[in-house]
Every structure is written in C-alpha cells, then in structure tokens.
C-alpha atoms as a PDB file:
ATOM      1  CA  MET A   1     -13.893 -26.571  -6.526  1.00  0.00           C
ATOM      2  CA  ALA A   2     -12.098 -30.357  -6.446  1.00  0.00           C
ATOM      3  CA  ALA A   3      -9.502 -31.568  -9.097  1.00  0.00           C
ATOM      4  CA  LEU A   4     -11.544 -34.492  -9.364  1.00  0.00           C
ATOM      5  CA  GLU A   5     -14.797 -31.977 -10.692  1.00  0.00           C
ATOM      6  CA  LEU A   6     -12.753 -30.158 -12.680  1.00  0.00           C
ATOM      7  CA  ARG A   7     -11.470 -33.110 -14.168  1.00  0.00           C
ATOM      8  CA  HIS A   8     -15.416 -33.739 -15.071  1.00  0.00           C
ATOM      9  CA  LEU A   9     -15.770 -30.491 -16.427  1.00  0.00           C
ATOM     10  CA  ARG A  10     -12.920 -30.896 -18.700  1.00  0.00           C
ATOM     11  CA  TYR A  11     -13.700 -34.435 -19.307  1.00  0.00           C
ATOM     12  CA  LEU A  12     -17.706 -32.902 -19.974  1.00  0.00           C
ATOM     13  CA  LEU A  13     -16.135 -30.072 -22.680  1.00  0.00           C
ATOM     14  CA  ALA A  14     -14.550 -33.036 -24.544  1.00  0.00           C
ATOM     15  CA  VAL A  15     -17.047 -35.483 -25.208  1.00  0.00           C
ATOM     16  CA  ALA A  16     -19.472 -32.399 -26.259  1.00  0.00           C
ATOM     17  CA  GLU A  17     -17.062 -31.072 -28.857  1.00  0.00           C
ATOM     18  CA  HIS A  18     -15.703 -34.097 -30.457  1.00  0.00           C
ATOM     19  CA  GLY A  19     -19.737 -35.798 -30.577  1.00  0.00           C
ATOM     20  CA  ASN A  20     -17.971 -38.850 -29.380  1.00  0.00           C
ATOM     21  CA  PHE A  21     -16.255 -40.414 -26.786  1.00  0.00           C
ATOM     22  CA  THR A  22     -13.287 -42.670 -28.493  1.00  0.00           C
ATOM     23  CA  ARG A  23     -12.148 -39.121 -30.142  1.00  0.00           C
ATOM     24  CA  ALA A  24     -12.357 -37.421 -26.659  1.00  0.00           C
ATOM     25  CA  ALA A  25     -10.334 -39.928 -25.080  1.00  0.00           C
ATOM     26  CA  ASP A  26      -7.666 -39.970 -27.510  1.00  0.00           C
ATOM     27  CA  ASP A  27      -7.913 -36.231 -27.090  1.00  0.00           C
ATOM     28  CA  LEU A  28      -7.514 -35.696 -23.489  1.00  0.00           C
ATOM     29  CA  HIS A  29      -4.781 -39.637 -23.296  1.00  0.00           C
ATOM     30  CA  ILE A  30      -7.284 -41.644 -21.384  1.00  0.00           C
ATOM     31  CA  SER A  31      -9.058 -44.804 -22.149  1.00  0.00           C
ATOM     32  CA  GLN A  32     -12.875 -44.464 -23.204  1.00  0.00           C
ATOM     33  CA  PRO A  33     -14.071 -46.768 -20.723  1.00  0.00           C
ATOM     34  CA  THR A  34     -12.188 -44.425 -17.973  1.00  0.00           C
ATOM     35  CA  LEU A  35     -14.020 -41.069 -19.787  1.00  0.00           C
ATOM     36  CA  SER A  36     -17.658 -42.804 -20.115  1.00  0.00           C
ATOM     37  CA  GLN A  37     -17.325 -43.942 -16.477  1.00  0.00           C
ATOM     38  CA  GLN A  38     -15.933 -40.379 -15.151  1.00  0.00           C
ATOM     39  CA  ILE A  39     -19.211 -38.834 -17.535  1.00  0.00           C
ATOM     40  CA  ARG A  40     -21.152 -41.413 -15.649  1.00  0.00           C
ATOM     41  CA  GLN A  41     -19.993 -40.054 -12.250  1.00  0.00           C
ATOM     42  CA  LEU A  42     -20.884 -36.812 -12.528  1.00  0.00           C
ATOM     43  CA  GLU A  43     -23.771 -37.342 -14.342  1.00  0.00           C
ATOM     44  CA  ARG A  44     -24.721 -39.647 -10.951  1.00  0.00           C
ATOM     45  CA  THR A  45     -23.734 -36.848  -9.093  1.00  0.00           C
ATOM     46  CA  LEU A  46     -25.613 -33.940 -10.288  1.00  0.00           C
ATOM     47  CA  GLY A  47     -28.460 -36.277 -10.097  1.00  0.00           C
ATOM     48  CA  VAL A  48     -29.253 -35.478 -13.905  1.00  0.00           C
ATOM     49  CA  GLN A  49     -28.715 -36.761 -17.469  1.00  0.00           C
ATOM     50  CA  LEU A  50     -26.130 -34.520 -19.272  1.00  0.00           C
ATOM     51  CA  LEU A  51     -25.421 -36.839 -22.824  1.00  0.00           C
ATOM     52  CA  ASP A  52     -27.565 -38.007 -24.866  1.00  0.00           C
ATOM     53  CA  ARG A  53     -26.112 -41.203 -26.382  1.00  0.00           C
ATOM     54  CA  SER A  54     -28.787 -42.744 -28.140  1.00  0.00           C
ATOM     55  CA  GLY A  55     -27.690 -41.622 -31.483  1.00  0.00           C
ATOM     56  CA  ARG A  56     -24.518 -42.156 -33.509  1.00  0.00           C
ATOM     57  CA  THR A  57     -23.505 -38.727 -32.222  1.00  0.00           C
ATOM     58  CA  VAL A  58     -23.274 -37.767 -29.224  1.00  0.00           C
ATOM     59  CA  ARG A  59     -24.655 -34.613 -28.344  1.00  0.00           C
ATOM     60  CA  LEU A  60     -26.173 -33.038 -25.026  1.00  0.00           C
ATOM     61  CA  THR A  61     -29.177 -32.519 -23.928  1.00  0.00           C
ATOM     62  CA  ASP A  62     -30.777 -30.293 -23.373  1.00  0.00           C
ATOM     63  CA  ALA A  63     -29.785 -30.078 -19.134  1.00  0.00           C
ATOM     64  CA  GLY A  64     -26.015 -30.728 -20.213  1.00  0.00           C
ATOM     65  CA  ALA A  65     -26.097 -27.821 -22.436  1.00  0.00           C
ATOM     66  CA  VAL A  66     -26.153 -25.080 -19.723  1.00  0.00           C
ATOM     67  CA  TYR A  67     -24.330 -27.143 -17.135  1.00  0.00           C
ATOM     68  CA  ALA A  68     -21.711 -27.174 -20.255  1.00  0.00           C
ATOM     69  CA  ASP A  69     -22.112 -23.476 -20.790  1.00  0.00           C
ATOM     70  CA  HIS A  70     -21.584 -22.580 -17.354  1.00  0.00           C
ATOM     71  CA  ALA A  71     -18.616 -25.021 -16.888  1.00  0.00           C
ATOM     72  CA  ARG A  72     -16.905 -23.456 -19.398  1.00  0.00           C
ATOM     73  CA  ARG A  73     -17.362 -20.074 -18.201  1.00  0.00           C
ATOM     74  CA  ALA A  74     -15.624 -21.862 -14.836  1.00  0.00           C
ATOM     75  CA  LEU A  75     -12.557 -22.932 -16.542  1.00  0.00           C
ATOM     76  CA  ARG A  76     -12.110 -19.707 -18.439  1.00  0.00           C
ATOM     77  CA  ASP A  77     -12.922 -17.792 -14.928  1.00  0.00           C
ATOM     78  CA  LEU A  78     -10.391 -20.798 -13.097  1.00  0.00           C
ATOM     79  CA  ALA A  79      -7.466 -19.957 -16.052  1.00  0.00           C
ATOM     80  CA  ALA A  80      -7.746 -16.086 -15.761  1.00  0.00           C
ATOM     81  CA  ALA A  81      -7.786 -16.172 -12.274  1.00  0.00           C
ATOM     82  CA  GLU A  82      -3.720 -18.553 -12.328  1.00  0.00           C
ATOM     83  CA  ARG A  83      -2.951 -15.790 -14.871  1.00  0.00           C
ATOM     84  CA  ALA A  84      -4.050 -12.770 -12.526  1.00  0.00           C
ATOM     85  CA  LEU A  85      -1.386 -14.467  -9.650  1.00  0.00           C
ATOM     86  CA  ARG A  86       1.396 -15.314 -12.363  1.00  0.00           C
ATOM     87  CA  ASP A  87       0.998 -11.586 -12.895  1.00  0.00           C
ATOM     88  CA  VAL A  88       0.930 -10.720  -9.021  1.00  0.00           C
ATOM     89  CA  GLN A  89       3.679 -12.728  -8.304  1.00  0.00           C
ATOM     90  CA  ASP A  90       6.063 -10.833 -11.037  1.00  0.00           C
ATOM     91  CA  LEU A  91       4.720  -7.564  -9.923  1.00  0.00           C
ATOM     92  CA  SER A  92       2.967  -6.572 -13.675  1.00  0.00           C
ATOM     93  CA  ARG A  93      -0.372  -6.633 -11.494  1.00  0.00           C
ATOM     94  CA  GLY A  94      -1.363  -5.348  -7.598  1.00  0.00           C
ATOM     95  CA  ARG A  95      -2.806  -3.287  -5.291  1.00  0.00           C
ATOM     96  CA  LEU A  96      -0.678  -1.481  -2.500  1.00  0.00           C
ATOM     97  CA  ARG A  97      -3.148   0.588   0.345  1.00  0.00           C
ATOM     98  CA  LEU A  98      -1.124   2.959   2.003  1.00  0.00           C
ATOM     99  CA  GLY A  99      -1.638   5.072   5.214  1.00  0.00           C
ATOM    100  CA  VAL A 100       0.430   7.841   6.597  1.00  0.00           C
ATOM    101  CA  THR A 101      -0.226  10.166   8.706  1.00  0.00           C
ATOM    102  CA  PRO A 102       0.454  14.371   6.603  1.00  0.00           C
ATOM    103  CA  THR A 103       4.207  15.406   6.877  1.00  0.00           C
ATOM    104  CA  PHE A 104       5.515  12.433   5.278  1.00  0.00           C
ATOM    105  CA  THR A 105       3.436  13.787   1.591  1.00  0.00           C
ATOM    106  CA  ALA A 106       5.616  16.979   2.013  1.00  0.00           C
ATOM    107  CA  TYR A 107       8.535  14.763   1.569  1.00  0.00           C
ATOM    108  CA  LEU A 108       8.199  10.710   1.360  1.00  0.00           C
ATOM    109  CA  VAL A 109       5.330   9.253  -0.392  1.00  0.00           C
ATOM    110  CA  GLY A 110       6.459  11.308  -3.812  1.00  0.00           C
ATOM    111  CA  PRO A 111      10.079  10.152  -4.227  1.00  0.00           C
ATOM    112  CA  LEU A 112       7.659   6.260  -2.794  1.00  0.00           C
ATOM    113  CA  ALA A 113       5.102   6.965  -5.202  1.00  0.00           C
ATOM    114  CA  ALA A 114       7.287   7.483  -8.808  1.00  0.00           C
ATOM    115  CA  GLU A 115       9.792   4.926  -7.246  1.00  0.00           C
ATOM    116  CA  LEU A 116       6.919   2.621  -6.977  1.00  0.00           C
ATOM    117  CA  HIS A 117       5.389   3.140 -10.324  1.00  0.00           C
ATOM    118  CA  ALA A 118       9.114   3.484 -12.130  1.00  0.00           C
ATOM    119  CA  ARG A 119      10.033  -0.300 -10.946  1.00  0.00           C
ATOM    120  CA  HIS A 120       5.703  -1.546 -10.717  1.00  0.00           C
ATOM    121  CA  PRO A 121       4.077   0.074 -13.289  1.00  0.00           C
ATOM    122  CA  GLY A 122       1.440  -2.557 -13.016  1.00  0.00           C
ATOM    123  CA  VAL A 123       0.735  -1.968  -9.508  1.00  0.00           C
ATOM    124  CA  GLU A 124      -2.083  -0.253  -7.596  1.00  0.00           C
ATOM    125  CA  LEU A 125      -1.645   2.224  -5.344  1.00  0.00           C
ATOM    126  CA  THR A 126      -4.075   3.394  -3.341  1.00  0.00           C
ATOM    127  CA  LEU A 127      -2.673   6.479  -0.687  1.00  0.00           C
ATOM    128  CA  VAL A 128      -4.722   7.330   2.135  1.00  0.00           C
ATOM    129  CA  GLU A 129      -3.585  10.330   4.546  1.00  0.00           C
ATOM    130  CA  THR A 130      -4.407  10.767   8.204  1.00  0.00           C
ATOM    131  CA  THR A 131      -3.508  10.461  12.110  1.00  0.00           C
ATOM    132  CA  GLN A 132      -1.813   7.703  13.353  1.00  0.00           C
ATOM    133  CA  ASP A 133      -4.085   5.570  15.613  1.00  0.00           C
ATOM    134  CA  ARG A 134      -6.865   5.542  12.494  1.00  0.00           C
ATOM    135  CA  VAL A 135      -3.897   4.557  10.567  1.00  0.00           C
ATOM    136  CA  GLU A 136      -3.057   1.567  12.942  1.00  0.00           C
ATOM    137  CA  ALA A 137      -7.088   0.911  13.258  1.00  0.00           C
ATOM    138  CA  ALA A 138      -7.197   0.709   9.058  1.00  0.00           C
ATOM    139  CA  LEU A 139      -4.509  -1.693   9.669  1.00  0.00           C
ATOM    140  CA  LEU A 140      -6.404  -3.646  12.117  1.00  0.00           C
ATOM    141  CA  ALA A 141      -9.661  -3.706  10.084  1.00  0.00           C
ATOM    142  CA  ASP A 142      -7.313  -5.063   6.731  1.00  0.00           C
ATOM    143  CA  GLU A 143      -8.684  -1.008   5.321  1.00  0.00           C
ATOM    144  CA  LEU A 144      -4.844  -0.870   4.705  1.00  0.00           C
ATOM    145  CA  ASP A 145      -2.049  -2.893   3.986  1.00  0.00           C
ATOM    146  CA  LEU A 146       1.291  -0.626   5.103  1.00  0.00           C
ATOM    147  CA  GLY A 147       1.282   2.783   6.930  1.00  0.00           C
ATOM    148  CA  ILE A 148       3.443   4.892   7.408  1.00  0.00           C
ATOM    149  CA  ALA A 149       3.900   7.614  11.351  1.00  0.00           C
ATOM    150  CA  PHE A 150       5.627   7.481  14.109  1.00  0.00           C
ATOM    151  CA  THR A 151       6.861   4.425  16.735  1.00  0.00           C
ATOM    152  CA  GLY A 152       5.792   4.406  20.207  1.00  0.00           C
ATOM    153  CA  PRO A 153       2.263   3.401  22.179  1.00  0.00           C
ATOM    154  CA  HIS A 154       0.703   1.243  18.930  1.00  0.00           C
ATOM    155  CA  LEU A 155      -2.328  -0.449  19.512  1.00  0.00           C
ATOM    156  CA  PRO A 156      -2.376  -4.308  20.285  1.00  0.00           C
ATOM    157  CA  GLY A 157      -1.755  -6.413  16.860  1.00  0.00           C
ATOM    158  CA  ILE A 158       0.462  -3.162  15.481  1.00  0.00           C
ATOM    159  CA  ALA A 159       3.842  -4.209  14.393  1.00  0.00           C
ATOM    160  CA  ALA A 160       6.211  -1.538  13.361  1.00  0.00           C
ATOM    161  CA  THR A 161       9.588  -2.085  12.025  1.00  0.00           C
ATOM    162  CA  ALA A 162      12.053   1.713  12.446  1.00  0.00           C
ATOM    163  CA  LEU A 163      13.048   3.282   9.144  1.00  0.00           C
ATOM    164  CA  PHE A 164      14.298   6.488  10.684  1.00  0.00           C
ATOM    165  CA  THR A 165      14.944   9.224  12.414  1.00  0.00           C
ATOM    166  CA  GLU A 166      13.194  12.560  12.007  1.00  0.00           C
ATOM    167  CA  SER A 167      14.979  15.802  12.924  1.00  0.00           C
ATOM    168  CA  LEU A 168      12.916  18.556  13.646  1.00  0.00           C
ATOM    169  CA  SER A 169      13.599  22.867  12.908  1.00  0.00           C
ATOM    170  CA  LEU A 170      12.567  26.269  12.250  1.00  0.00           C
ATOM    171  CA  VAL A 171      11.900  26.597   8.581  1.00  0.00           C
ATOM    172  CA  THR A 172      12.271  29.771   6.264  1.00  0.00           C
ATOM    173  CA  GLY A 173      12.186  31.140   3.128  1.00  0.00           C
ATOM    174  CA  ALA A 174      15.550  33.224   3.104  1.00  0.00           C
ATOM    175  CA  PRO A 175      18.985  32.246   4.479  1.00  0.00           C
ATOM    176  CA  ARG A 176      19.586  33.673   7.777  1.00  0.00           C
ATOM    177  CA  ALA A 177      21.815  36.049   8.359  1.00  0.00           C
ATOM    178  CA  ARG A 178      23.998  34.216  10.215  1.00  0.00           C
ATOM    179  CA  ALA A 179      25.578  30.522   8.942  1.00  0.00           C
ATOM    180  CA  VAL A 180      22.239  28.146   8.397  1.00  0.00           C
ATOM    181  CA  SER A 181      25.028  25.612  10.056  1.00  0.00           C
ATOM    182  CA  GLU A 182      24.930  27.749  13.550  1.00  0.00           C
ATOM    183  CA  PRO A 183      21.922  26.656  16.262  1.00  0.00           C
ATOM    184  CA  LEU A 184      19.453  30.059  16.576  1.00  0.00           C
ATOM    185  CA  PRO A 185      19.018  30.435  20.469  1.00  0.00           C
ATOM    186  CA  VAL A 186      15.462  29.091  21.435  1.00  0.00           C
ATOM    187  CA  GLN A 187      14.366  32.122  23.585  1.00  0.00           C
ATOM    188  CA  ALA A 188      15.036  33.946  19.792  1.00  0.00           C
ATOM    189  CA  LEU A 189      11.648  32.140  19.142  1.00  0.00           C
ATOM    190  CA  LYS A 190       9.873  34.835  21.465  1.00  0.00           C
ATOM    191  CA  ASP A 191      10.729  37.520  18.384  1.00  0.00           C
ATOM    192  CA  GLU A 192       9.764  35.196  15.419  1.00  0.00           C
ATOM    193  CA  GLN A 193       6.107  35.305  13.779  1.00  0.00           C
ATOM    194  CA  LEU A 194       5.150  31.671  13.386  1.00  0.00           C
ATOM    195  CA  ALA A 195       2.918  29.577  10.597  1.00  0.00           C
ATOM    196  CA  LEU A 196       2.191  26.424  11.810  1.00  0.00           C
ATOM    197  CA  LEU A 197       0.225  23.283  12.069  1.00  0.00           C
ATOM    198  CA  SER A 198      -3.235  23.120  13.269  1.00  0.00           C
ATOM    199  CA  GLY A 199      -3.565  21.109  16.978  1.00  0.00           C
ATOM    200  CA  ASP A 200      -5.195  18.092  15.099  1.00  0.00           C
ATOM    201  CA  PHE A 201      -1.769  17.310  13.847  1.00  0.00           C
ATOM    202  CA  ALA A 202       1.026  15.280  15.977  1.00  0.00           C
ATOM    203  CA  THR A 203       3.576  17.359  14.773  1.00  0.00           C
ATOM    204  CA  ARG A 204       2.351  19.681  16.578  1.00  0.00           C
ATOM    205  CA  GLY A 205       1.789  18.688  19.575  1.00  0.00           C
ATOM    206  CA  HIS A 206       5.178  17.690  19.106  1.00  0.00           C
ATOM    207  CA  ILE A 207       6.140  21.390  18.824  1.00  0.00           C
ATOM    208  CA  ASP A 208       3.381  22.616  21.924  1.00  0.00           C
ATOM    209  CA  ASP A 209       5.355  20.484  24.011  1.00  0.00           C
ATOM    210  CA  TYR A 210       8.984  21.455  23.014  1.00  0.00           C
ATOM    211  CA  LEU A 211       7.531  25.878  23.418  1.00  0.00           C
ATOM    212  CA  ALA A 212       5.847  25.067  26.572  1.00  0.00           C
ATOM    213  CA  GLY A 213       9.359  23.205  28.074  1.00  0.00           C
ATOM    214  CA  HIS A 214      11.126  25.974  27.276  1.00  0.00           C
ATOM    215  CA  ARG A 215       8.640  28.316  28.275  1.00  0.00           C
ATOM    216  CA  ILE A 216       8.331  29.826  24.794  1.00  0.00           C
ATOM    217  CA  ALA A 217       4.815  31.654  24.333  1.00  0.00           C
ATOM    218  CA  PRO A 218       5.377  31.231  20.048  1.00  0.00           C
ATOM    219  CA  ARG A 219       3.477  34.419  17.935  1.00  0.00           C
ATOM    220  CA  ILE A 220       1.445  32.143  15.588  1.00  0.00           C
ATOM    221  CA  ALA A 221       0.117  34.381  12.792  1.00  0.00           C
ATOM    222  CA  VAL A 222      -1.116  31.243  10.722  1.00  0.00           C
ATOM    223  CA  GLU A 223      -2.375  28.283  11.219  1.00  0.00           C
ATOM    224  CA  ALA A 224      -2.895  25.907   8.675  1.00  0.00           C
ATOM    225  CA  ASN A 225      -4.050  21.881   8.138  1.00  0.00           C
ATOM    226  CA  SER A 226      -1.701  21.760   5.391  1.00  0.00           C
ATOM    227  CA  VAL A 227       2.026  20.866   5.028  1.00  0.00           C
ATOM    228  CA  GLN A 228       1.798  22.545   1.546  1.00  0.00           C
ATOM    229  CA  ALA A 229       0.301  25.731   2.355  1.00  0.00           C
ATOM    230  CA  LEU A 230       2.742  26.404   5.382  1.00  0.00           C
ATOM    231  CA  THR A 231       5.584  26.114   2.906  1.00  0.00           C
ATOM    232  CA  GLU A 232       4.147  28.113   0.509  1.00  0.00           C
ATOM    233  CA  ILE A 233       3.141  30.591   2.943  1.00  0.00           C
ATOM    234  CA  VAL A 234       7.034  30.439   4.180  1.00  0.00           C
ATOM    235  CA  ARG A 235       8.246  30.407   0.773  1.00  0.00           C
ATOM    236  CA  ARG A 236       6.149  34.133   0.588  1.00  0.00           C
ATOM    237  CA  THR A 237       6.550  35.797   3.556  1.00  0.00           C
ATOM    238  CA  PRO A 238       8.897  36.412   6.294  1.00  0.00           C
ATOM    239  CA  LEU A 239       6.510  33.878   8.339  1.00  0.00           C
ATOM    240  CA  ALA A 240       8.829  30.774   9.631  1.00  0.00           C
ATOM    241  CA  THR A 241       7.534  27.507  10.395  1.00  0.00           C
ATOM    242  CA  VAL A 242       8.796  24.411  12.112  1.00  0.00           C
ATOM    243  CA  LEU A 243       8.943  21.060  10.060  1.00  0.00           C
ATOM    244  CA  PRO A 244      10.984  17.661   9.228  1.00  0.00           C
ATOM    245  CA  ASP A 245      14.254  19.041   7.963  1.00  0.00           C
ATOM    246  CA  ALA A 246      13.695  16.718   5.021  1.00  0.00           C
ATOM    247  CA  VAL A 247      11.086  18.683   3.628  1.00  0.00           C
ATOM    248  CA  THR A 248      13.413  21.399   3.412  1.00  0.00           C
ATOM    249  CA  HIS A 249      15.381  18.431   0.935  1.00  0.00           C
ATOM    250  CA  ASP A 250      12.785  19.128  -2.364  1.00  0.00           C
ATOM    251  CA  HIS A 251      12.183  22.947  -1.949  1.00  0.00           C
ATOM    252  CA  PRO A 252      15.031  24.873  -2.975  1.00  0.00           C
ATOM    253  CA  HIS A 253      13.772  27.751  -1.604  1.00  0.00           C
ATOM    254  CA  LEU A 254      13.136  26.653   1.758  1.00  0.00           C
ATOM    255  CA  THR A 255      16.261  26.581   4.476  1.00  0.00           C
ATOM    256  CA  PRO A 256      16.060  24.732   7.631  1.00  0.00           C
ATOM    257  CA  VAL A 257      17.067  26.567  11.329  1.00  0.00           C
ATOM    258  CA  PRO A 258      18.343  24.687  13.570  1.00  0.00           C
ATOM    259  CA  LEU A 259      17.574  25.061  17.029  1.00  0.00           C
ATOM    260  CA  ASP A 260      19.177  25.150  20.893  1.00  0.00           C
ATOM    261  CA  PRO A 261      18.452  23.206  22.361  1.00  0.00           C
ATOM    262  CA  PRO A 262      17.299  20.974  18.832  1.00  0.00           C
ATOM    263  CA  LEU A 263      13.904  19.336  19.846  1.00  0.00           C
ATOM    264  CA  PRO A 264      13.206  15.858  20.167  1.00  0.00           C
ATOM    265  CA  THR A 265      14.310  13.267  17.158  1.00  0.00           C
ATOM    266  CA  ARG A 266      11.143  11.385  16.237  1.00  0.00           C
ATOM    267  CA  THR A 267      11.318   7.508  14.709  1.00  0.00           C
ATOM    268  CA  VAL A 268       9.744   7.139  11.495  1.00  0.00           C
ATOM    269  CA  ALA A 269       8.104   3.141  10.970  1.00  0.00           C
ATOM    270  CA  LEU A 270       6.607   0.994   8.588  1.00  0.00           C
ATOM    271  CA  LEU A 271       3.492  -0.487  10.226  1.00  0.00           C
ATOM    272  CA  ARG A 272       1.709  -3.680   9.422  1.00  0.00           C
ATOM    273  CA  ARG A 273      -0.921  -5.418  11.103  1.00  0.00           C
ATOM    274  CA  GLU A 274       0.955  -8.416  13.213  1.00  0.00           C
ATOM    275  CA  GLY A 275       0.342 -11.611  11.771  1.00  0.00           C
ATOM    276  CA  VAL A 276      -1.107 -11.113   8.808  1.00  0.00           C
ATOM    277  CA  TYR A 277      -0.539 -12.064   5.353  1.00  0.00           C
ATOM    278  CA  GLU A 278       2.336  -9.978   3.194  1.00  0.00           C
ATOM    279  CA  SER A 279       1.260  -9.233  -0.635  1.00  0.00           C
ATOM    280  CA  VAL A 280       4.361  -9.366  -3.204  1.00  0.00           C
ATOM    281  CA  ALA A 281       3.398  -5.799  -3.755  1.00  0.00           C
ATOM    282  CA  GLY A 282       4.111  -4.659   0.310  1.00  0.00           C
ATOM    283  CA  ARG A 283       7.081  -6.993   0.385  1.00  0.00           C
ATOM    284  CA  ALA A 284       7.985  -4.816  -3.498  1.00  0.00           C
ATOM    285  CA  PHE A 285       7.194  -1.841  -1.290  1.00  0.00           C
ATOM    286  CA  THR A 286       9.286  -2.758   1.775  1.00  0.00           C
ATOM    287  CA  ARG A 287      12.059  -2.892  -0.471  1.00  0.00           C
ATOM    288  CA  ILE A 288      11.623   0.862  -1.842  1.00  0.00           C
ATOM    289  CA  VAL A 289      11.449   2.689   1.368  1.00  0.00           C
ATOM    290  CA  ASP A 290      14.371   0.749   2.544  1.00  0.00           C
ATOM    291  CA  ASP A 291      16.405   1.833  -0.700  1.00  0.00           C
ATOM    292  CA  LEU A 292      15.351   5.423  -0.286  1.00  0.00           C
ATOM    293  CA  VAL A 293      15.822   5.771   2.999  1.00  0.00           C
ATOM    294  CA  ARG A 294      19.931   4.677   2.460  1.00  0.00           C
ATOM    295  CA  SER A 295      20.297   6.870  -0.746  1.00  0.00           C
ATOM    296  CA  ARG A 296      18.272   9.668   0.757  1.00  0.00           C
ATOM    297  CA  GLY A 297      21.093   9.429   3.770  1.00  0.00           C
ATOM    298  CA  TYR A 298      18.250   9.732   6.145  1.00  0.00           C
ATOM    299  CA  ALA A 299      19.637   8.844  10.115  1.00  0.00           C
ATOM    300  CA  PRO A 300      19.211   5.990  10.875  1.00  0.00           C
ATOM    301  CA  PRO A 301      16.798   5.068  13.745  1.00  0.00           C
ATOM    302  CA  ALA A 302      18.533   5.749  17.469  1.00  0.00           C
END
C-alpha cells in the first residue's frame, strides 16, 4: 500500500471520528480544503461515496462504514508490524532455524542454546538434527537459516565459515592404567570391544576409514544411532567408543584416550546459503558461536 493511500485512510477515519471536516483538519494539522480534496480523491479511486455530507454532521455511508472498519484494522496491523520490527531489531523477539549434524548435540548445541536463551530469551530456536547433505539442502530451500557441520565439498550455493578443529579419540568410562596423556597405539584397538555409531553417521565413516587404513578389523559389540546412548553404554560397561574429544568436556565420567597415530581432525563450520539476507537473530547467533568457541578453548581451524 502506497504512502498516499495510508494517508487517505487516516484522513477518512479522522473525519468519521469528528463528524466534521474542520475539526478533523485541525486534528490532522492540515487545511480543511486539502482534507476535503484528499477524501474526494479516495472516493474517486474507490468509485464509491464514503461520506454523507448532507446533514450538519458528516457521517459514513454504508459503504464508508464497511471500508472504515477495514481501514482501522489495516492501520492497527501496520502499527503492530512496526512494533514487531522494532522487537526483532532489538531481539526481544525473533526466530532462528538451526540444523546440525548429530554429534554436535552431544557437546555444542546445549551450551549454544543456553547462551542464546540467556542473552535473547525472546528468540525462538527451532533445532533440526540430520545429516549434512540434508542440512545443506534445507538451507538452499530456505527451510533453515544456519547449519553446523563440517567443511569439505558443499552443494553449490552453500557458504561455509570455519569455526574450530574437532579431534576424535578413544573414549572410555574409566581412566586407563596408562597415563591418559600417553597415546594408545592403534594396533591395541584389535583387543578392544567397541560401541560405535551406526553406519549412517558421517563420524562412523570417518572412524571406519581410519581403522581400515591401519588394517584394524574392529570388534564391535554395540552399534547405536545416538551419541547419548553411546555415552551411557560406555559409562556403564567396559566398552570403549570413538567420539569427539569435546564430548568428554561435559561428561566427567568419560575419559578420552588419544590414539597413535591420531585420527584425522575435522574442521567444524557454520553453514548458510550464499547471498541470503541474514536476520538479526542469525547475526546474534553467529556472535554467540564465536564467543563459545573461544571460551571453551577449541582448537582454531587448521
């Protein structure tokens, strides 16, 4: 709706409220002839008479009453939209749609969500946990605003900002007899019973490639499609698993054991669609991610 049309609505409602052009013009701080001219222009545009000027008091016609009712509603909605825009700008309201690959729910999503809520409790967070290819497809389809996954080949139109380097280790439920800082030779994994993520996880493929490269046939006792399930199993059994070191930071009952040679590191990245408008909530979340990565001392990207 053009600015002139909005002015027409306000002029019409002022005349209807005062029942008089002169008083309405005074209230609007315009001249009475200008107000009359603007109302007639509105009537010509609509092709209908909105005001009955025949009596001592100017009244809305039946058509004018219907139109004025919608005009009041439109102006109320416009005022509400302006308030909502201010709310979004100062982050008293807003919405963020975030997609993550599954291992991040074990150590990154909780602290990020807590910090977002602490700083901006009015921002609604919608979280989707899925595979990286689905995260990227959802970003391109404008079904997500941001994603957290890994660098590497991306779908055309996806921009990736490196956040930190993720290291993986053997993880057990109790400290080993050897010093935890002393790496465990990879060949020792032949004697380990393992609980690993299921094959549909990218992390499992990363682990399988590492083991195959060292000609290790793992003794897999449990496969699970949940990181939380793995941490509980390892905590309560003699089984070991392979997970990002950062998972153990919030789980004091888990102990990371470095391997020799170490598993290849991965670079964690914040994903977004190239060229898309970044919302205020999205920019705020990006700052929170950067702050959290620094405060937790995660290794910088290689």
